[in-house]
N, C-alpha and C. Protein backbone atom coordinates (compact mmCIF):
# COMPACT_ATOMS: atom_id res chain seq x y z
N MET A 1 12.75 20.53 2.15
CA MET A 1 11.99 19.94 1.07
C MET A 1 10.54 20.38 1.21
N GLU A 2 9.97 20.91 0.15
CA GLU A 2 8.59 21.35 0.18
C GLU A 2 7.81 20.68 -0.95
N ILE A 3 6.60 20.28 -0.63
CA ILE A 3 5.69 19.74 -1.63
C ILE A 3 4.40 20.54 -1.52
N ILE A 4 3.87 20.97 -2.65
CA ILE A 4 2.60 21.68 -2.63
C ILE A 4 1.52 20.69 -3.04
N ASN A 5 0.55 20.46 -2.15
CA ASN A 5 -0.52 19.53 -2.47
C ASN A 5 -1.69 20.28 -3.08
N ASP A 6 -2.80 19.57 -3.33
CA ASP A 6 -3.96 20.16 -4.01
C ASP A 6 -4.53 21.38 -3.31
N SER A 7 -4.47 21.43 -2.00
CA SER A 7 -5.03 22.57 -1.27
C SER A 7 -4.01 23.70 -1.16
N GLN A 8 -2.87 23.58 -1.84
CA GLN A 8 -1.81 24.59 -1.89
C GLN A 8 -1.11 24.80 -0.55
N LYS A 9 -1.25 23.88 0.37
CA LYS A 9 -0.50 23.95 1.62
C LYS A 9 0.85 23.30 1.39
N LYS A 10 1.88 23.83 1.99
CA LYS A 10 3.21 23.26 1.83
C LYS A 10 3.43 22.16 2.85
N LEU A 11 3.90 21.03 2.37
CA LEU A 11 4.20 19.89 3.23
C LEU A 11 5.71 19.80 3.39
N GLU A 12 6.15 19.86 4.61
CA GLU A 12 7.59 19.77 4.89
C GLU A 12 7.94 18.32 5.17
N LEU A 13 8.89 17.79 4.44
CA LEU A 13 9.35 16.42 4.65
C LEU A 13 10.81 16.45 5.07
N GLU A 14 11.12 15.67 6.07
CA GLU A 14 12.51 15.49 6.49
C GLU A 14 12.87 14.04 6.23
N TYR A 15 13.91 13.84 5.44
CA TYR A 15 14.34 12.49 5.09
C TYR A 15 15.43 12.02 6.02
N PRO A 16 15.53 10.72 6.25
CA PRO A 16 14.61 9.68 5.78
C PRO A 16 13.27 9.77 6.50
N CYS A 17 12.21 9.29 5.82
CA CYS A 17 10.88 9.30 6.40
C CYS A 17 10.08 8.11 5.90
N SER A 18 9.02 7.81 6.61
CA SER A 18 8.11 6.75 6.20
C SER A 18 7.16 7.33 5.16
N TRP A 19 6.92 6.58 4.09
CA TRP A 19 6.04 7.04 3.03
C TRP A 19 5.07 5.92 2.69
N CYS A 20 3.82 6.27 2.41
CA CYS A 20 2.81 5.28 2.08
C CYS A 20 2.32 5.51 0.65
N TYR A 21 2.39 4.45 -0.14
CA TYR A 21 1.82 4.45 -1.49
C TYR A 21 0.57 3.59 -1.44
N LYS A 22 -0.54 4.09 -1.99
CA LYS A 22 -1.74 3.27 -2.12
C LYS A 22 -1.75 2.76 -3.55
N LEU A 23 -1.87 1.44 -3.69
CA LEU A 23 -1.78 0.81 -5.00
C LEU A 23 -3.07 0.07 -5.32
N ILE A 24 -3.50 0.18 -6.56
CA ILE A 24 -4.75 -0.45 -6.99
C ILE A 24 -4.46 -1.38 -8.16
N GLY A 25 -5.06 -2.57 -8.08
CA GLY A 25 -4.91 -3.57 -9.14
C GLY A 25 -6.15 -4.45 -9.19
N HIS A 26 -6.09 -5.49 -10.02
CA HIS A 26 -7.24 -6.36 -10.20
C HIS A 26 -7.29 -7.52 -9.21
N GLU A 27 -6.15 -8.11 -8.91
CA GLU A 27 -6.12 -9.27 -8.01
C GLU A 27 -5.06 -9.07 -6.94
N LYS A 28 -5.38 -9.46 -5.71
CA LYS A 28 -4.50 -9.23 -4.58
C LYS A 28 -3.12 -9.88 -4.79
N GLU A 29 -3.09 -11.14 -5.18
CA GLU A 29 -1.81 -11.85 -5.33
C GLU A 29 -0.97 -11.25 -6.45
N VAL A 30 -1.61 -10.88 -7.55
CA VAL A 30 -0.88 -10.28 -8.68
C VAL A 30 -0.34 -8.91 -8.28
N LEU A 31 -1.15 -8.16 -7.55
CA LEU A 31 -0.71 -6.84 -7.08
C LEU A 31 0.46 -6.98 -6.11
N GLN A 32 0.40 -7.94 -5.20
CA GLN A 32 1.50 -8.16 -4.25
C GLN A 32 2.79 -8.49 -5.00
N LYS A 33 2.72 -9.36 -6.00
CA LYS A 33 3.90 -9.73 -6.77
C LYS A 33 4.46 -8.53 -7.52
N ALA A 34 3.59 -7.72 -8.10
CA ALA A 34 4.04 -6.53 -8.83
C ALA A 34 4.78 -5.58 -7.91
N ILE A 35 4.26 -5.39 -6.71
CA ILE A 35 4.91 -4.51 -5.73
C ILE A 35 6.29 -5.05 -5.37
N HIS A 36 6.37 -6.36 -5.12
CA HIS A 36 7.66 -6.96 -4.78
C HIS A 36 8.63 -6.91 -5.96
N ASP A 37 8.13 -6.98 -7.19
CA ASP A 37 8.98 -6.84 -8.37
C ASP A 37 9.69 -5.49 -8.37
N VAL A 38 9.00 -4.47 -7.90
CA VAL A 38 9.55 -3.11 -7.93
C VAL A 38 10.46 -2.83 -6.74
N ILE A 39 10.02 -3.18 -5.54
CA ILE A 39 10.80 -2.80 -4.37
C ILE A 39 11.85 -3.83 -3.97
N LEU A 40 11.81 -4.99 -4.60
CA LEU A 40 12.79 -6.05 -4.37
C LEU A 40 12.88 -6.43 -2.90
N GLU A 41 14.07 -6.37 -2.32
CA GLU A 41 14.28 -6.84 -0.95
C GLU A 41 14.20 -5.73 0.10
N ARG A 42 13.76 -4.54 -0.30
CA ARG A 42 13.69 -3.42 0.65
C ARG A 42 12.69 -3.73 1.76
N GLU A 43 13.03 -3.34 2.96
CA GLU A 43 12.13 -3.53 4.09
C GLU A 43 10.88 -2.67 3.89
N HIS A 44 9.71 -3.28 4.09
CA HIS A 44 8.45 -2.58 3.87
C HIS A 44 7.32 -3.28 4.61
N THR A 45 6.19 -2.63 4.65
CA THR A 45 4.97 -3.22 5.19
C THR A 45 3.91 -3.09 4.11
N LEU A 46 3.21 -4.18 3.83
CA LEU A 46 2.18 -4.20 2.80
C LEU A 46 0.89 -4.70 3.43
N ASN A 47 -0.16 -3.88 3.36
CA ASN A 47 -1.44 -4.23 3.97
C ASN A 47 -2.57 -4.10 2.96
N HIS A 48 -3.51 -5.04 3.03
CA HIS A 48 -4.72 -4.95 2.22
C HIS A 48 -5.50 -3.73 2.68
N SER A 49 -5.99 -2.93 1.76
CA SER A 49 -6.69 -1.71 2.12
C SER A 49 -8.19 -1.82 1.87
N ASN A 50 -8.57 -2.18 0.65
CA ASN A 50 -9.98 -2.17 0.30
C ASN A 50 -10.24 -3.03 -0.93
N LYS A 51 -11.51 -3.28 -1.20
CA LYS A 51 -11.93 -4.01 -2.38
C LYS A 51 -13.15 -3.28 -2.94
N SER A 52 -13.22 -3.12 -4.26
CA SER A 52 -14.36 -2.42 -4.84
C SER A 52 -15.64 -3.21 -4.60
N LYS A 53 -16.77 -2.52 -4.68
CA LYS A 53 -18.07 -3.16 -4.41
C LYS A 53 -18.31 -4.40 -5.25
N LYS A 54 -17.95 -4.34 -6.52
CA LYS A 54 -18.16 -5.48 -7.42
C LYS A 54 -16.96 -6.43 -7.44
N GLY A 55 -15.92 -6.13 -6.67
CA GLY A 55 -14.77 -7.01 -6.57
C GLY A 55 -13.80 -6.94 -7.73
N LYS A 56 -13.96 -5.96 -8.60
CA LYS A 56 -13.09 -5.84 -9.77
C LYS A 56 -11.69 -5.34 -9.41
N TYR A 57 -11.61 -4.50 -8.37
CA TYR A 57 -10.33 -3.91 -7.97
C TYR A 57 -10.06 -4.15 -6.49
N VAL A 58 -8.77 -4.24 -6.17
CA VAL A 58 -8.32 -4.30 -4.77
C VAL A 58 -7.29 -3.19 -4.59
N SER A 59 -7.17 -2.72 -3.36
CA SER A 59 -6.13 -1.74 -3.08
C SER A 59 -5.31 -2.20 -1.89
N MET A 60 -4.04 -1.80 -1.91
CA MET A 60 -3.11 -2.15 -0.84
C MET A 60 -2.31 -0.92 -0.48
N ASN A 61 -1.88 -0.86 0.78
CA ASN A 61 -1.01 0.22 1.25
C ASN A 61 0.40 -0.32 1.41
N LEU A 62 1.34 0.36 0.78
CA LEU A 62 2.76 0.03 0.88
C LEU A 62 3.44 1.10 1.72
N ASP A 63 3.92 0.72 2.89
CA ASP A 63 4.67 1.64 3.75
C ASP A 63 6.14 1.29 3.65
N ILE A 64 6.96 2.31 3.38
CA ILE A 64 8.38 2.08 3.15
C ILE A 64 9.16 3.32 3.61
N ILE A 65 10.39 3.11 4.06
CA ILE A 65 11.25 4.23 4.46
C ILE A 65 11.93 4.77 3.21
N ILE A 66 11.79 6.06 3.01
CA ILE A 66 12.35 6.75 1.84
C ILE A 66 13.52 7.61 2.31
N GLN A 67 14.62 7.54 1.57
CA GLN A 67 15.83 8.28 1.95
C GLN A 67 15.87 9.71 1.44
N ASN A 68 15.22 9.97 0.29
CA ASN A 68 15.25 11.32 -0.28
C ASN A 68 14.14 11.46 -1.33
N GLU A 69 13.95 12.67 -1.82
CA GLU A 69 12.88 12.94 -2.78
C GLU A 69 13.08 12.16 -4.09
N GLU A 70 14.32 12.04 -4.54
CA GLU A 70 14.58 11.33 -5.77
C GLU A 70 14.16 9.86 -5.66
N GLU A 71 14.45 9.25 -4.52
CA GLU A 71 14.05 7.86 -4.29
C GLU A 71 12.53 7.73 -4.24
N ARG A 72 11.87 8.67 -3.57
CA ARG A 72 10.40 8.65 -3.47
C ARG A 72 9.78 8.73 -4.86
N ASN A 73 10.28 9.63 -5.70
CA ASN A 73 9.76 9.78 -7.06
C ASN A 73 10.09 8.58 -7.93
N PHE A 74 11.30 8.01 -7.77
CA PHE A 74 11.69 6.84 -8.55
C PHE A 74 10.78 5.66 -8.26
N ILE A 75 10.52 5.40 -6.98
CA ILE A 75 9.65 4.28 -6.61
C ILE A 75 8.24 4.51 -7.14
N TYR A 76 7.75 5.74 -7.02
CA TYR A 76 6.41 6.07 -7.53
C TYR A 76 6.33 5.77 -9.03
N GLU A 77 7.30 6.25 -9.79
CA GLU A 77 7.29 6.04 -11.25
C GLU A 77 7.43 4.56 -11.61
N ALA A 78 8.26 3.83 -10.87
CA ALA A 78 8.45 2.40 -11.14
C ALA A 78 7.16 1.63 -10.85
N LEU A 79 6.49 1.95 -9.75
CA LEU A 79 5.22 1.31 -9.44
C LEU A 79 4.18 1.65 -10.50
N LYS A 80 4.11 2.91 -10.88
CA LYS A 80 3.13 3.37 -11.87
C LYS A 80 3.35 2.70 -13.23
N ALA A 81 4.59 2.41 -13.56
CA ALA A 81 4.92 1.83 -14.86
C ALA A 81 4.67 0.32 -14.93
N HIS A 82 4.50 -0.35 -13.79
CA HIS A 82 4.32 -1.80 -13.80
C HIS A 82 2.98 -2.16 -14.41
N GLN A 83 2.97 -3.13 -15.31
CA GLN A 83 1.76 -3.49 -16.04
C GLN A 83 0.63 -4.03 -15.17
N ASN A 84 0.93 -4.56 -13.99
CA ASN A 84 -0.10 -5.14 -13.14
C ASN A 84 -0.57 -4.19 -12.03
N ILE A 85 -0.08 -2.97 -12.05
CA ILE A 85 -0.53 -1.96 -11.09
C ILE A 85 -1.32 -0.93 -11.89
N LYS A 86 -2.60 -0.83 -11.57
CA LYS A 86 -3.49 0.05 -12.35
C LYS A 86 -3.40 1.51 -11.93
N MET A 87 -3.13 1.77 -10.63
CA MET A 87 -3.07 3.15 -10.16
C MET A 87 -2.21 3.23 -8.90
N VAL A 88 -1.49 4.34 -8.76
CA VAL A 88 -0.66 4.62 -7.59
C VAL A 88 -1.08 5.97 -7.04
N LEU A 89 -1.42 5.98 -5.76
CA LEU A 89 -1.80 7.25 -5.10
C LEU A 89 -0.81 7.56 -3.99
């Protein structure tokens, strides 16, 4: 499996692997609920990452074991589509 990132270096991934999504939203509790809405009962780790200077946005890191590229992309798209998640990195 190869992924080409912005610097055009190839990233080799071997599945299953741990993957981290950085998620941005307006409120910590609402963001946590949105994440749980998407990943349901899957084992994961969720940590507070940062808060914007004016406090308008919060970010969290979601670490989860991914079985394959299709699953990684599906979770990304599902998180991105949730109305209470403003951005997924």
